[in-house]
Amino acid sequence: MAKNSSANFDLNAWFEEVQDQFRGLNPQEPGQWPLAPRLLTFAAAIVLAVVGGWFLVLADAQAALDAEAAKEPNLRQDYKTKLVQAVNLPELRKQKSQVEEYVNQLEKQLPGRAEMDALLSDINSAAVGRGLQFEFFGPSPEVVKDYYAEKPISIRVSGRYHDIGAFVADIANLSRIVTLSDLNVSVLATRDAALSGTLNMEAKARTYRYLDSAEVAEQRKSKAAAKQGAKK
């Protein structure tokens, strides 16, 4: 019991001694301070330096680091996507070649300006070849699109049911693209027994031609001028 009391007494005395070192300090002469105040001041200076360095220097660096870390998921996804593309590059090139070939085939089905008259003649010949009577054949002005022009043609023919059906099939089998729309089939009103069962068919035929390079350039120039005029 005596030994424990002595230890407690010494500890209390030490605390008293430390407290005494903080009494009567002269802030003008820190070099003359006792050891305990100097150690505490040194520790406080280190803490302030670290905290100040964090807010003044490291905070901006941390913000930049966080921003770069936020980009990581997107970069990983981009990497995976490009890796798949790189692995499939030969197959993608093959598909690109197939698409280009298909586009070229479609372009060949579009007549050029010089072939348009021949195509209109083919439509007329298809009707005559099936024994149909042309009542009306009226090409309308072209409707110019970005890379092609559309040529509407109003037609009205008369003839037997099967002949009209064969004519429509012939139009579908032309080497050039021709579509039929707005079909209207009616019975021909007549008292002539020889014409009994004759039908009238009205339709809108549309064929298309590709624009040559000069026409494409002119089309782009017109659009640019239109946009410029709209801005003003």
C-alpha atoms as a PDB file:
ATOM      1  CA  MET A   1       0.000   0.000   0.000  1.00  0.00           C
ATOM      2  CA  ALA A   2       2.866   2.359   0.804  1.00  0.00           C
ATOM      3  CA  LYS A   3       4.447   1.655  -2.574  1.00  0.00           C
ATOM      4  CA  ASN A   4       1.254   2.549  -4.494  1.00  0.00           C
ATOM      5  CA  SER A   5       0.786   5.789  -2.586  1.00  0.00           C
ATOM      6  CA  SER A   6       4.358   6.783  -3.428  1.00  0.00           C
ATOM      7  CA  ALA A   7       3.753   6.102  -7.147  1.00  0.00           C
ATOM      8  CA  ASN A   8       0.558   8.175  -7.153  1.00  0.00           C
ATOM      9  CA  PHE A   9       2.285  10.978  -5.309  1.00  0.00           C
ATOM     10  CA  ASP A  10       5.142  11.037  -7.864  1.00  0.00           C
ATOM     11  CA  LEU A  11       2.694  11.132 -10.799  1.00  0.00           C
ATOM     12  CA  ASN A  12       0.799  13.998  -9.305  1.00  0.00           C
ATOM     13  CA  ALA A  13       4.026  15.793  -8.669  1.00  0.00           C
ATOM     14  CA  TRP A  14       5.002  15.339 -12.312  1.00  0.00           C
ATOM     15  CA  PHE A  15       1.732  16.859 -13.519  1.00  0.00           C
ATOM     16  CA  GLU A  16       2.241  19.738 -11.147  1.00  0.00           C
ATOM     17  CA  GLU A  17       5.715  20.269 -12.507  1.00  0.00           C
ATOM     18  CA  VAL A  18       4.456  20.289 -16.120  1.00  0.00           C
ATOM     19  CA  GLN A  19       1.753  22.753 -15.266  1.00  0.00           C
ATOM     20  CA  ASP A  20       4.293  24.966 -13.581  1.00  0.00           C
ATOM     21  CA  GLN A  21       6.261  25.097 -16.849  1.00  0.00           C
ATOM     22  CA  PHE A  22       3.300  26.748 -18.572  1.00  0.00           C
ATOM     23  CA  ARG A  23       2.937  29.476 -15.977  1.00  0.00           C
ATOM     24  CA  GLY A  24       4.412  32.882 -16.566  1.00  0.00           C
ATOM     25  CA  LEU A  25       5.577  32.234 -20.147  1.00  0.00           C
ATOM     26  CA  ASN A  26       6.943  35.237 -22.000  1.00  0.00           C
ATOM     27  CA  PRO A  27       5.656  35.108 -25.598  1.00  0.00           C
ATOM     28  CA  GLN A  28       8.461  37.475 -26.629  1.00  0.00           C
ATOM     29  CA  GLU A  29      11.148  34.957 -25.679  1.00  0.00           C
ATOM     30  CA  PRO A  30       9.960  31.438 -26.694  1.00  0.00           C
ATOM     31  CA  GLY A  31      13.539  30.242 -26.691  1.00  0.00           C
ATOM     32  CA  GLN A  32      13.645  30.665 -22.937  1.00  0.00           C
ATOM     33  CA  TRP A  33      10.574  28.512 -22.346  1.00  0.00           C
ATOM     34  CA  PRO A  34      10.841  25.218 -20.464  1.00  0.00           C
ATOM     35  CA  LEU A  35      10.893  21.938 -22.388  1.00  0.00           C
ATOM     36  CA  ALA A  36       7.183  21.056 -22.181  1.00  0.00           C
ATOM     37  CA  PRO A  37       5.843  24.341 -23.678  1.00  0.00           C
ATOM     38  CA  ARG A  38       8.444  24.202 -26.439  1.00  0.00           C
ATOM     39  CA  LEU A  39       7.511  20.597 -27.357  1.00  0.00           C
ATOM     40  CA  LEU A  40       3.804  21.428 -27.364  1.00  0.00           C
ATOM     41  CA  THR A  41       4.373  24.528 -29.503  1.00  0.00           C
ATOM     42  CA  PHE A  42       6.481  22.514 -31.935  1.00  0.00           C
ATOM     43  CA  ALA A  43       3.761  19.858 -32.222  1.00  0.00           C
ATOM     44  CA  ALA A  44       1.096  22.524 -32.767  1.00  0.00           C
ATOM     45  CA  ALA A  45       3.223  24.157 -35.501  1.00  0.00           C
ATOM     46  CA  ILE A  46       3.537  20.796 -37.285  1.00  0.00           C
ATOM     47  CA  VAL A  47      -0.223  20.217 -37.132  1.00  0.00           C
ATOM     48  CA  LEU A  48      -0.932  23.712 -38.470  1.00  0.00           C
ATOM     49  CA  ALA A  49       1.605  23.228 -41.266  1.00  0.00           C
ATOM     50  CA  VAL A  50       0.019  19.921 -42.303  1.00  0.00           C
ATOM     51  CA  VAL A  51      -3.534  21.288 -42.176  1.00  0.00           C
ATOM     52  CA  GLY A  52      -2.542  24.470 -44.022  1.00  0.00           C
ATOM     53  CA  GLY A  53      -0.644  22.469 -46.648  1.00  0.00           C
ATOM     54  CA  TRP A  54      -3.690  20.282 -47.150  1.00  0.00           C
ATOM     55  CA  PHE A  55      -6.056  23.174 -47.789  1.00  0.00           C
ATOM     56  CA  LEU A  56      -3.588  25.255 -49.802  1.00  0.00           C
ATOM     57  CA  VAL A  57      -1.873  22.580 -51.915  1.00  0.00           C
ATOM     58  CA  LEU A  58      -3.253  19.097 -51.544  1.00  0.00           C
ATOM     59  CA  ALA A  59      -6.954  19.991 -51.739  1.00  0.00           C
ATOM     60  CA  ASP A  60      -6.654  21.045 -55.406  1.00  0.00           C
ATOM     61  CA  ALA A  61      -4.594  17.953 -56.165  1.00  0.00           C
ATOM     62  CA  GLN A  62      -7.213  15.764 -54.485  1.00  0.00           C
ATOM     63  CA  ALA A  63      -9.998  17.411 -56.477  1.00  0.00           C
ATOM     64  CA  ALA A  64      -8.092  16.767 -59.705  1.00  0.00           C
ATOM     65  CA  LEU A  65      -7.483  13.171 -58.633  1.00  0.00           C
ATOM     66  CA  ASP A  66     -11.186  12.670 -57.892  1.00  0.00           C
ATOM     67  CA  ALA A  67     -12.103  14.121 -61.290  1.00  0.00           C
ATOM     68  CA  GLU A  68      -9.729  11.741 -63.057  1.00  0.00           C
ATOM     69  CA  ALA A  69     -11.016   8.833 -60.991  1.00  0.00           C
ATOM     70  CA  ALA A  70     -14.578   9.701 -62.059  1.00  0.00           C
ATOM     71  CA  LYS A  71     -13.508   9.288 -65.689  1.00  0.00           C
ATOM     72  CA  GLU A  72     -12.261   5.776 -65.098  1.00  0.00           C
ATOM     73  CA  PRO A  73     -15.577   3.904 -65.653  1.00  0.00           C
ATOM     74  CA  ASN A  74     -16.181   5.640 -68.990  1.00  0.00           C
ATOM     75  CA  LEU A  75     -12.603   5.044 -70.078  1.00  0.00           C
ATOM     76  CA  ARG A  76     -12.903   1.381 -69.166  1.00  0.00           C
ATOM     77  CA  GLN A  77     -16.111   1.092 -71.200  1.00  0.00           C
ATOM     78  CA  ASP A  78     -14.517   2.885 -74.162  1.00  0.00           C
ATOM     79  CA  TYR A  79     -11.565   0.552 -73.932  1.00  0.00           C
ATOM     80  CA  LYS A  80     -13.796  -2.534 -73.934  1.00  0.00           C
ATOM     81  CA  THR A  81     -15.787  -1.201 -76.893  1.00  0.00           C
ATOM     82  CA  LYS A  82     -12.672  -0.420 -78.922  1.00  0.00           C
ATOM     83  CA  LEU A  83     -11.135  -3.758 -77.958  1.00  0.00           C
ATOM     84  CA  VAL A  84     -14.196  -5.561 -79.325  1.00  0.00           C
ATOM     85  CA  GLN A  85     -14.003  -3.456 -82.486  1.00  0.00           C
ATOM     86  CA  ALA A  86     -10.311  -4.218 -82.868  1.00  0.00           C
ATOM     87  CA  VAL A  87     -10.918  -7.941 -82.415  1.00  0.00           C
ATOM     88  CA  ASN A  88     -13.779  -7.858 -84.945  1.00  0.00           C
ATOM     89  CA  LEU A  89     -12.033  -5.484 -87.357  1.00  0.00           C
ATOM     90  CA  PRO A  90     -11.637  -8.052 -90.187  1.00  0.00           C
ATOM     91  CA  GLU A  91     -15.326  -8.989 -89.929  1.00  0.00           C
ATOM     92  CA  LEU A  92     -16.351  -5.302 -89.798  1.00  0.00           C
ATOM     93  CA  ARG A  93     -14.292  -4.590 -92.911  1.00  0.00           C
ATOM     94  CA  LYS A  94     -15.974  -7.518 -94.645  1.00  0.00           C
ATOM     95  CA  GLN A  95     -19.406  -6.215 -93.670  1.00  0.00           C
ATOM     96  CA  LYS A  96     -18.459  -2.706 -94.851  1.00  0.00           C
ATOM     97  CA  SER A  97     -17.417  -4.152 -98.203  1.00  0.00           C
ATOM     98  CA  GLN A  98     -20.714  -6.035 -98.470  1.00  0.00           C
ATOM     99  CA  VAL A  99     -22.724  -2.903 -97.662  1.00  0.00           C
ATOM    100  CA  GLU A 100     -20.800  -0.883-100.243  1.00  0.00           C
ATOM    101  CA  GLU A 101     -21.435  -3.565-102.847  1.00  0.00           C
ATOM    102  CA  TYR A 102     -25.136  -3.588-101.967  1.00  0.00           C
ATOM    103  CA  VAL A 103     -25.301   0.203-102.244  1.00  0.00           C
ATOM    104  CA  ASN A 104     -23.594   0.045-105.626  1.00  0.00           C
ATOM    105  CA  GLN A 105     -26.169  -2.488-106.801  1.00  0.00           C
ATOM    106  CA  LEU A 106     -28.985  -0.207-105.671  1.00  0.00           C
ATOM    107  CA  GLU A 107     -27.387   2.765-107.407  1.00  0.00           C
ATOM    108  CA  LYS A 108     -27.261   0.741-110.627  1.00  0.00           C
ATOM    109  CA  GLN A 109     -31.019   0.294-110.330  1.00  0.00           C
ATOM    110  CA  LEU A 110     -31.458   4.063-110.373  1.00  0.00           C
ATOM    111  CA  PRO A 111     -31.326   5.477-113.880  1.00  0.00           C
ATOM    112  CA  GLY A 112     -29.212   8.457-114.700  1.00  0.00           C
ATOM    113  CA  ARG A 113     -30.582  11.555-116.371  1.00  0.00           C
ATOM    114  CA  ALA A 114     -29.819  10.179-119.835  1.00  0.00           C
ATOM    115  CA  GLU A 115     -31.593   6.873-119.068  1.00  0.00           C
ATOM    116  CA  MET A 116     -34.802   8.390-117.723  1.00  0.00           C
ATOM    117  CA  ASP A 117     -36.458   8.722-121.145  1.00  0.00           C
ATOM    118  CA  ALA A 118     -35.667   5.078-121.915  1.00  0.00           C
ATOM    119  CA  LEU A 119     -37.224   4.000-118.631  1.00  0.00           C
ATOM    120  CA  LEU A 120     -40.407   5.920-119.356  1.00  0.00           C
ATOM    121  CA  SER A 121     -40.500   4.189-122.720  1.00  0.00           C
ATOM    122  CA  ASP A 122     -40.122   0.804-120.971  1.00  0.00           C
ATOM    123  CA  ILE A 123     -43.179   1.547-118.806  1.00  0.00           C
ATOM    124  CA  ASN A 124     -45.166   2.434-121.898  1.00  0.00           C
ATOM    125  CA  SER A 125     -43.953  -0.676-123.723  1.00  0.00           C
ATOM    126  CA  ALA A 126     -44.927  -2.876-120.764  1.00  0.00           C
ATOM    127  CA  ALA A 127     -48.515  -1.661-121.014  1.00  0.00           C
ATOM    128  CA  VAL A 128     -48.708  -1.984-124.796  1.00  0.00           C
ATOM    129  CA  GLY A 129     -47.139  -5.453-124.633  1.00  0.00           C
ATOM    130  CA  ARG A 130     -49.956  -6.618-122.374  1.00  0.00           C
ATOM    131  CA  GLY A 131     -52.603  -5.275-124.717  1.00  0.00           C
ATOM    132  CA  LEU A 132     -53.603  -2.415-122.470  1.00  0.00           C
ATOM    133  CA  GLN A 133     -54.901   0.881-123.727  1.00  0.00           C
ATOM    134  CA  PHE A 134     -53.156   3.948-122.338  1.00  0.00           C
ATOM    135  CA  GLU A 135     -55.788   6.491-121.427  1.00  0.00           C
ATOM    136  CA  PHE A 136     -53.377   8.893-119.772  1.00  0.00           C
ATOM    137  CA  PHE A 137     -49.622   9.016-119.238  1.00  0.00           C
ATOM    138  CA  GLY A 138     -48.482  12.200-117.471  1.00  0.00           C
ATOM    139  CA  PRO A 139     -44.964  12.594-116.080  1.00  0.00           C
ATOM    140  CA  SER A 140     -44.782  15.299-113.390  1.00  0.00           C
ATOM    141  CA  PRO A 141     -41.809  17.533-112.564  1.00  0.00           C
ATOM    142  CA  GLU A 142     -39.004  15.879-110.617  1.00  0.00           C
ATOM    143  CA  VAL A 143     -38.811  16.189-106.849  1.00  0.00           C
ATOM    144  CA  VAL A 144     -35.141  16.597-105.968  1.00  0.00           C
ATOM    145  CA  LYS A 145     -33.931  15.050-102.709  1.00  0.00           C
ATOM    146  CA  ASP A 146     -30.456  15.023-101.135  1.00  0.00           C
ATOM    147  CA  TYR A 147     -28.848  12.436-103.416  1.00  0.00           C
ATOM    148  CA  TYR A 148     -31.587  11.407-105.798  1.00  0.00           C
ATOM    149  CA  ALA A 149     -34.542  12.760-107.734  1.00  0.00           C
ATOM    150  CA  GLU A 150     -38.048  11.324-107.712  1.00  0.00           C
ATOM    151  CA  LYS A 151     -40.071  11.301-110.922  1.00  0.00           C
ATOM    152  CA  PRO A 152     -43.856  10.930-110.372  1.00  0.00           C
ATOM    153  CA  ILE A 153     -45.936   9.673-113.311  1.00  0.00           C
ATOM    154  CA  SER A 154     -49.706   9.602-113.382  1.00  0.00           C
ATOM    155  CA  ILE A 155     -51.013   6.725-115.491  1.00  0.00           C
ATOM    156  CA  ARG A 156     -54.440   5.468-116.475  1.00  0.00           C
ATOM    157  CA  VAL A 157     -54.812   2.273-118.468  1.00  0.00           C
ATOM    158  CA  SER A 158     -57.743   0.083-119.448  1.00  0.00           C
ATOM    159  CA  GLY A 159     -57.846  -3.605-120.218  1.00  0.00           C
ATOM    160  CA  ARG A 160     -58.655  -7.050-118.917  1.00  0.00           C
ATOM    161  CA  TYR A 161     -58.113  -7.977-115.287  1.00  0.00           C
ATOM    162  CA  HIS A 162     -55.335 -10.476-115.948  1.00  0.00           C
ATOM    163  CA  ASP A 163     -53.607  -8.147-118.388  1.00  0.00           C
ATOM    164  CA  ILE A 164     -53.566  -5.367-115.799  1.00  0.00           C
ATOM    165  CA  GLY A 165     -52.149  -7.783-113.227  1.00  0.00           C
ATOM    166  CA  ALA A 166     -49.439  -8.890-115.668  1.00  0.00           C
ATOM    167  CA  PHE A 167     -48.614  -5.236-116.392  1.00  0.00           C
ATOM    168  CA  VAL A 168     -48.139  -4.526-112.678  1.00  0.00           C
ATOM    169  CA  ALA A 169     -45.863  -7.588-112.431  1.00  0.00           C
ATOM    170  CA  ASP A 170     -43.855  -6.361-115.431  1.00  0.00           C
ATOM    171  CA  ILE A 171     -43.357  -2.999-113.725  1.00  0.00           C
ATOM    172  CA  ALA A 172     -42.094  -4.767-110.599  1.00  0.00           C
ATOM    173  CA  ASN A 173     -39.648  -6.822-112.685  1.00  0.00           C
ATOM    174  CA  LEU A 174     -38.075  -3.889-114.501  1.00  0.00           C
ATOM    175  CA  SER A 175     -34.330  -3.611-114.012  1.00  0.00           C
ATOM    176  CA  ARG A 176     -34.818  -0.100-112.658  1.00  0.00           C
ATOM    177  CA  ILE A 177     -36.732   0.812-109.503  1.00  0.00           C
ATOM    178  CA  VAL A 178     -40.332   1.760-110.247  1.00  0.00           C
ATOM    179  CA  THR A 179     -43.065   1.801-107.599  1.00  0.00           C
ATOM    180  CA  LEU A 180     -46.808   1.953-108.015  1.00  0.00           C
ATOM    181  CA  SER A 181     -49.051   3.592-105.446  1.00  0.00           C
ATOM    182  CA  ASP A 182     -52.563   5.053-105.125  1.00  0.00           C
ATOM    183  CA  LEU A 183     -54.002   2.278-107.282  1.00  0.00           C
ATOM    184  CA  ASN A 184     -57.664   2.624-108.145  1.00  0.00           C
ATOM    185  CA  VAL A 185     -59.314  -0.084-110.237  1.00  0.00           C
ATOM    186  CA  SER A 186     -62.855   0.348-111.525  1.00  0.00           C
ATOM    187  CA  VAL A 187     -65.121  -1.229-114.119  1.00  0.00           C
ATOM    188  CA  LEU A 188     -65.272   0.611-117.413  1.00  0.00           C
ATOM    189  CA  ALA A 189     -68.750   2.054-117.911  1.00  0.00           C
ATOM    190  CA  THR A 190     -69.755   1.147-121.475  1.00  0.00           C
ATOM    191  CA  ARG A 191     -72.667  -0.303-123.439  1.00  0.00           C
ATOM    192  CA  ASP A 192     -70.356  -1.975-125.910  1.00  0.00           C
ATOM    193  CA  ALA A 193     -70.588  -5.743-125.345  1.00  0.00           C
ATOM    194  CA  ALA A 194     -67.070  -6.178-126.735  1.00  0.00           C
ATOM    195  CA  LEU A 195     -65.713  -4.052-123.921  1.00  0.00           C
ATOM    196  CA  SER A 196     -67.690  -5.800-121.213  1.00  0.00           C
ATOM    197  CA  GLY A 197     -65.439  -6.758-118.319  1.00  0.00           C
ATOM    198  CA  THR A 198     -62.862  -4.103-119.181  1.00  0.00           C
ATOM    199  CA  LEU A 199     -61.284  -2.392-116.188  1.00  0.00           C
ATOM    200  CA  ASN A 200     -59.752   1.029-115.667  1.00  0.00           C
ATOM    201  CA  MET A 201     -56.684   1.349-113.464  1.00  0.00           C
ATOM    202  CA  GLU A 202     -55.400   4.666-112.257  1.00  0.00           C
ATOM    203  CA  ALA A 203     -52.090   4.748-110.384  1.00  0.00           C
ATOM    204  CA  LYS A 204     -49.155   6.909-109.480  1.00  0.00           C
ATOM    205  CA  ALA A 205     -45.883   5.456-110.718  1.00  0.00           C
ATOM    206  CA  ARG A 206     -42.674   6.729-109.203  1.00  0.00           C
ATOM    207  CA  THR A 207     -39.216   6.151-110.493  1.00  0.00           C
ATOM    208  CA  TYR A 208     -35.945   7.500-109.177  1.00  0.00           C
ATOM    209  CA  ARG A 209     -32.620   8.577-110.526  1.00  0.00           C
ATOM    210  CA  TYR A 210     -29.377   9.407-108.807  1.00  0.00           C
ATOM    211  CA  LEU A 211     -28.008  12.932-108.983  1.00  0.00           C
ATOM    212  CA  ASP A 212     -24.688  13.447-110.672  1.00  0.00           C
ATOM    213  CA  SER A 213     -21.854  15.222-108.851  1.00  0.00           C
ATOM    214  CA  ALA A 214     -22.751  18.626-110.300  1.00  0.00           C
ATOM    215  CA  GLU A 215     -26.373  18.271-109.178  1.00  0.00           C
ATOM    216  CA  VAL A 216     -25.334  17.164-105.679  1.00  0.00           C
ATOM    217  CA  ALA A 217     -23.036  20.186-105.401  1.00  0.00           C
ATOM    218  CA  GLU A 218     -25.820  22.479-106.588  1.00  0.00           C
ATOM    219  CA  GLN A 219     -28.228  20.913-104.087  1.00  0.00           C
ATOM    220  CA  ARG A 220     -25.808  21.508-101.203  1.00  0.00           C
ATOM    221  CA  LYS A 221     -25.198  25.053-102.374  1.00  0.00           C
ATOM    222  CA  SER A 222     -28.934  25.756-102.436  1.00  0.00           C
ATOM    223  CA  LYS A 223     -29.407  24.352 -98.919  1.00  0.00           C
ATOM    224  CA  ALA A 224     -26.511  26.413 -97.592  1.00  0.00           C
ATOM    225  CA  ALA A 225     -27.964  29.554 -99.146  1.00  0.00           C
ATOM    226  CA  ALA A 226     -31.380  28.756 -97.671  1.00  0.00           C
ATOM    227  CA  LYS A 227     -29.898  28.319 -94.190  1.00  0.00           C
ATOM    228  CA  GLN A 228     -27.960  31.552 -94.525  1.00  0.00           C
ATOM    229  CA  GLY A 229     -31.128  33.368 -95.560  1.00  0.00           C
ATOM    230  CA  ALA A 230     -33.038  31.896 -92.608  1.00  0.00           C
ATOM    231  CA  LYS A 231     -30.386  33.160 -90.165  1.00  0.00           C
ATOM    232  CA  LYS A 232     -30.704  36.693 -91.502  1.00  0.00           C
END
